[in-house]
Amino acid sequence: MPFTYLSTPATGQSALVRTLWIWLLSNLGGTALLALDFSFKYPTDLAVPLVVGLMVALLSLACVPLAWPFFAMSRHACTELRCRLLALAGVLVVFGVAHMALLHWLPIGPPSSLLSFSRPYLGAAVLAVAWLYRPRQKTSKVVYA
């Protein structure tokens, strides 16, 4: 006898997989936006955003364990709006903590100098959360037992 079940976007993947997807999409998107910005200002220095992107990817990989609990909580308490808001809060909190840690540990200078490099990554991370946690129609699958 067949039975149906509903799969929602939050229960389709584990929280760790979603965290890694957001990490990957934010790093690829942020590096692409940074490279695009640099290509207009300094067309001969295209290697700079690529090296910055590589360093940001390595440094932000250490932040994945900080972001994972937010995505785990959003997976368990998933109503459409609450799920997206919790995932967005996770991105913003981890971005703020990482930004403050970099300002504290590295002699970068004023916060605006770091923000000019990290703003594309924040934008890409917010877009990745909006895309991964977008409202979808529930699909029903028929499983024959």
C-alpha atoms as a PDB file:
ATOM      1  CA  MET A   1       0.000   0.000   0.000  1.00  0.00           C
ATOM      2  CA  PRO A   2       1.537   3.349  -0.972  1.00  0.00           C
ATOM      3  CA  PHE A   3       1.964   6.188   1.500  1.00  0.00           C
ATOM      4  CA  THR A   4       3.120   9.731   1.006  1.00  0.00           C
ATOM      5  CA  TYR A   5       5.385  11.931   3.030  1.00  0.00           C
ATOM      6  CA  LEU A   6       6.286  15.563   2.714  1.00  0.00           C
ATOM      7  CA  SER A   7       9.834  16.722   2.413  1.00  0.00           C
ATOM      8  CA  THR A   8      10.572  20.255   3.497  1.00  0.00           C
ATOM      9  CA  PRO A   9      13.711  22.134   2.514  1.00  0.00           C
ATOM     10  CA  ALA A  10      15.024  22.208   6.077  1.00  0.00           C
ATOM     11  CA  THR A  11      14.755  18.475   6.618  1.00  0.00           C
ATOM     12  CA  GLY A  12      16.203  17.536   3.239  1.00  0.00           C
ATOM     13  CA  GLN A  13      19.819  18.111   4.269  1.00  0.00           C
ATOM     14  CA  SER A  14      21.716  17.959   7.510  1.00  0.00           C
ATOM     15  CA  ALA A  15      22.713  21.147   9.292  1.00  0.00           C
ATOM     16  CA  LEU A  16      26.389  20.514   8.621  1.00  0.00           C
ATOM     17  CA  VAL A  17      25.773  20.129   4.892  1.00  0.00           C
ATOM     18  CA  ARG A  18      23.798  23.386   4.843  1.00  0.00           C
ATOM     19  CA  THR A  19      26.548  25.139   6.793  1.00  0.00           C
ATOM     20  CA  LEU A  20      29.158  23.940   4.335  1.00  0.00           C
ATOM     21  CA  TRP A  21      26.980  24.994   1.398  1.00  0.00           C
ATOM     22  CA  ILE A  22      26.641  28.487   2.842  1.00  0.00           C
ATOM     23  CA  TRP A  23      30.391  28.581   3.499  1.00  0.00           C
ATOM     24  CA  LEU A  24      31.138  27.529  -0.084  1.00  0.00           C
ATOM     25  CA  LEU A  25      28.608  29.850  -1.725  1.00  0.00           C
ATOM     26  CA  SER A  26      29.621  32.835   0.391  1.00  0.00           C
ATOM     27  CA  ASN A  27      33.302  32.320  -0.389  1.00  0.00           C
ATOM     28  CA  LEU A  28      32.757  31.824  -4.113  1.00  0.00           C
ATOM     29  CA  GLY A  29      30.316  34.708  -4.344  1.00  0.00           C
ATOM     30  CA  GLY A  30      32.395  37.025  -2.160  1.00  0.00           C
ATOM     31  CA  THR A  31      35.551  36.322  -4.133  1.00  0.00           C
ATOM     32  CA  ALA A  32      33.693  36.877  -7.402  1.00  0.00           C
ATOM     33  CA  LEU A  33      32.269  40.192  -6.164  1.00  0.00           C
ATOM     34  CA  LEU A  34      35.664  41.264  -4.853  1.00  0.00           C
ATOM     35  CA  ALA A  35      37.327  40.334  -8.143  1.00  0.00           C
ATOM     36  CA  LEU A  36      34.668  42.245 -10.056  1.00  0.00           C
ATOM     37  CA  ASP A  37      35.187  45.304  -7.873  1.00  0.00           C
ATOM     38  CA  PHE A  38      38.963  45.100  -8.239  1.00  0.00           C
ATOM     39  CA  SER A  39      38.761  44.647 -11.995  1.00  0.00           C
ATOM     40  CA  PHE A  40      37.037  48.005 -12.350  1.00  0.00           C
ATOM     41  CA  LYS A  41      39.422  49.874 -10.038  1.00  0.00           C
ATOM     42  CA  TYR A  42      42.718  48.064 -10.701  1.00  0.00           C
ATOM     43  CA  PRO A  43      42.471  45.946 -13.864  1.00  0.00           C
ATOM     44  CA  THR A  44      46.059  44.702 -13.630  1.00  0.00           C
ATOM     45  CA  ASP A  45      45.778  43.439 -10.036  1.00  0.00           C
ATOM     46  CA  LEU A  46      43.363  40.553 -10.492  1.00  0.00           C
ATOM     47  CA  ALA A  47      45.565  38.248  -8.406  1.00  0.00           C
ATOM     48  CA  VAL A  48      44.907  40.299  -5.256  1.00  0.00           C
ATOM     49  CA  PRO A  49      41.217  39.350  -4.837  1.00  0.00           C
ATOM     50  CA  LEU A  50      41.987  35.732  -5.681  1.00  0.00           C
ATOM     51  CA  VAL A  51      44.655  35.529  -2.970  1.00  0.00           C
ATOM     52  CA  VAL A  52      42.344  37.350  -0.554  1.00  0.00           C
ATOM     53  CA  GLY A  53      39.590  34.884  -1.454  1.00  0.00           C
ATOM     54  CA  LEU A  54      41.848  31.925  -0.743  1.00  0.00           C
ATOM     55  CA  MET A  55      42.866  33.356   2.624  1.00  0.00           C
ATOM     56  CA  VAL A  56      39.271  34.200   3.511  1.00  0.00           C
ATOM     57  CA  ALA A  57      38.176  30.661   2.623  1.00  0.00           C
ATOM     58  CA  LEU A  58      40.826  29.163   4.895  1.00  0.00           C
ATOM     59  CA  LEU A  59      40.112  31.567   7.754  1.00  0.00           C
ATOM     60  CA  SER A  60      36.340  31.254   7.458  1.00  0.00           C
ATOM     61  CA  LEU A  61      36.560  27.461   7.523  1.00  0.00           C
ATOM     62  CA  ALA A  62      37.481  27.857  11.191  1.00  0.00           C
ATOM     63  CA  CYS A  63      34.140  29.660  11.704  1.00  0.00           C
ATOM     64  CA  VAL A  64      32.054  26.752  10.427  1.00  0.00           C
ATOM     65  CA  PRO A  65      31.804  25.172  13.922  1.00  0.00           C
ATOM     66  CA  LEU A  66      30.510  28.516  15.220  1.00  0.00           C
ATOM     67  CA  ALA A  67      27.780  28.707  12.577  1.00  0.00           C
ATOM     68  CA  TRP A  68      26.727  25.057  12.677  1.00  0.00           C
ATOM     69  CA  PRO A  69      24.558  25.316  15.848  1.00  0.00           C
ATOM     70  CA  PHE A  70      22.464  28.098  14.296  1.00  0.00           C
ATOM     71  CA  PHE A  71      21.709  25.967  11.261  1.00  0.00           C
ATOM     72  CA  ALA A  72      21.014  22.960  13.475  1.00  0.00           C
ATOM     73  CA  MET A  73      18.525  25.008  15.491  1.00  0.00           C
ATOM     74  CA  SER A  74      16.919  26.367  12.332  1.00  0.00           C
ATOM     75  CA  ARG A  75      16.551  22.813  11.061  1.00  0.00           C
ATOM     76  CA  HIS A  76      14.680  21.682  14.166  1.00  0.00           C
ATOM     77  CA  ALA A  77      12.520  24.779  14.659  1.00  0.00           C
ATOM     78  CA  CYS A  78      11.576  25.243  11.056  1.00  0.00           C
ATOM     79  CA  THR A  79       8.603  27.312  10.257  1.00  0.00           C
ATOM     80  CA  GLU A  80       9.188  29.303   7.121  1.00  0.00           C
ATOM     81  CA  LEU A  81       9.996  32.669   8.660  1.00  0.00           C
ATOM     82  CA  ARG A  82      11.656  31.408  11.843  1.00  0.00           C
ATOM     83  CA  CYS A  83      13.930  29.082   9.910  1.00  0.00           C
ATOM     84  CA  ARG A  84      15.185  31.866   7.645  1.00  0.00           C
ATOM     85  CA  LEU A  85      15.578  34.371  10.476  1.00  0.00           C
ATOM     86  CA  LEU A  86      17.564  31.937  12.607  1.00  0.00           C
ATOM     87  CA  ALA A  87      19.865  31.080   9.696  1.00  0.00           C
ATOM     88  CA  LEU A  88      20.320  34.768   8.907  1.00  0.00           C
ATOM     89  CA  ALA A  89      21.059  35.500  12.574  1.00  0.00           C
ATOM     90  CA  GLY A  90      23.686  32.753  12.526  1.00  0.00           C
ATOM     91  CA  VAL A  91      25.408  34.300   9.520  1.00  0.00           C
ATOM     92  CA  LEU A  92      25.354  37.780  11.047  1.00  0.00           C
ATOM     93  CA  VAL A  93      26.587  36.654  14.473  1.00  0.00           C
ATOM     94  CA  VAL A  94      29.418  34.554  13.053  1.00  0.00           C
ATOM     95  CA  PHE A  95      30.369  37.359  10.668  1.00  0.00           C
ATOM     96  CA  GLY A  96      30.448  39.837  13.562  1.00  0.00           C
ATOM     97  CA  VAL A  97      32.506  37.534  15.782  1.00  0.00           C
ATOM     98  CA  ALA A  98      34.966  36.769  12.978  1.00  0.00           C
ATOM     99  CA  HIS A  99      35.217  40.437  12.067  1.00  0.00           C
ATOM    100  CA  MET A 100      35.944  41.471  15.659  1.00  0.00           C
ATOM    101  CA  ALA A 101      38.475  38.649  16.091  1.00  0.00           C
ATOM    102  CA  LEU A 102      40.329  39.703  12.947  1.00  0.00           C
ATOM    103  CA  LEU A 103      40.378  43.322  14.099  1.00  0.00           C
ATOM    104  CA  HIS A 104      41.693  42.250  17.497  1.00  0.00           C
ATOM    105  CA  TRP A 105      44.358  39.771  16.336  1.00  0.00           C
ATOM    106  CA  LEU A 106      45.600  41.338  13.112  1.00  0.00           C
ATOM    107  CA  PRO A 107      46.996  44.850  12.832  1.00  0.00           C
ATOM    108  CA  ILE A 108      44.627  45.851  10.058  1.00  0.00           C
ATOM    109  CA  GLY A 109      43.827  49.385  11.095  1.00  0.00           C
ATOM    110  CA  PRO A 110      40.360  50.925  11.222  1.00  0.00           C
ATOM    111  CA  PRO A 111      37.312  48.663  10.910  1.00  0.00           C
ATOM    112  CA  SER A 112      36.367  50.292   7.617  1.00  0.00           C
ATOM    113  CA  SER A 113      39.479  48.877   5.929  1.00  0.00           C
ATOM    114  CA  LEU A 114      38.499  45.309   6.836  1.00  0.00           C
ATOM    115  CA  LEU A 115      34.861  45.961   6.028  1.00  0.00           C
ATOM    116  CA  SER A 116      35.724  47.015   2.482  1.00  0.00           C
ATOM    117  CA  PHE A 117      37.158  43.525   1.886  1.00  0.00           C
ATOM    118  CA  SER A 118      34.586  41.585   3.901  1.00  0.00           C
ATOM    119  CA  ARG A 119      31.394  43.308   2.727  1.00  0.00           C
ATOM    120  CA  PRO A 120      31.140  41.197  -0.485  1.00  0.00           C
ATOM    121  CA  TYR A 121      31.442  38.024   1.597  1.00  0.00           C
ATOM    122  CA  LEU A 122      28.678  39.147   3.950  1.00  0.00           C
ATOM    123  CA  GLY A 123      26.452  39.967   0.991  1.00  0.00           C
ATOM    124  CA  ALA A 124      27.149  36.611  -0.613  1.00  0.00           C
ATOM    125  CA  ALA A 125      26.450  34.792   2.675  1.00  0.00           C
ATOM    126  CA  VAL A 126      23.106  36.580   3.094  1.00  0.00           C
ATOM    127  CA  LEU A 127      22.203  35.711  -0.498  1.00  0.00           C
ATOM    128  CA  ALA A 128      23.225  32.081   0.103  1.00  0.00           C
ATOM    129  CA  VAL A 129      20.962  31.889   3.165  1.00  0.00           C
ATOM    130  CA  ALA A 130      18.115  33.494   1.217  1.00  0.00           C
ATOM    131  CA  TRP A 131      18.591  30.963  -1.580  1.00  0.00           C
ATOM    132  CA  LEU A 132      18.976  27.853   0.584  1.00  0.00           C
ATOM    133  CA  TYR A 133      16.100  28.777   2.899  1.00  0.00           C
ATOM    134  CA  ARG A 134      13.762  30.092   0.207  1.00  0.00           C
ATOM    135  CA  PRO A 135      10.100  29.108   0.366  1.00  0.00           C
ATOM    136  CA  ARG A 136       9.417  26.054  -1.722  1.00  0.00           C
ATOM    137  CA  GLN A 137       6.326  24.112  -2.478  1.00  0.00           C
ATOM    138  CA  LYS A 138       6.105  20.937  -0.549  1.00  0.00           C
ATOM    139  CA  THR A 139       6.681  17.940  -2.756  1.00  0.00           C
ATOM    140  CA  SER A 140       5.047  14.677  -2.011  1.00  0.00           C
ATOM    141  CA  LYS A 141       6.681  11.436  -2.934  1.00  0.00           C
ATOM    142  CA  VAL A 142       4.888   8.156  -3.232  1.00  0.00           C
ATOM    143  CA  VAL A 143       6.724   5.299  -1.616  1.00  0.00           C
ATOM    144  CA  TYR A 144       5.571   1.769  -2.110  1.00  0.00           C
ATOM    145  CA  ALA A 145       6.118  -0.436   0.868  1.00  0.00           C
END
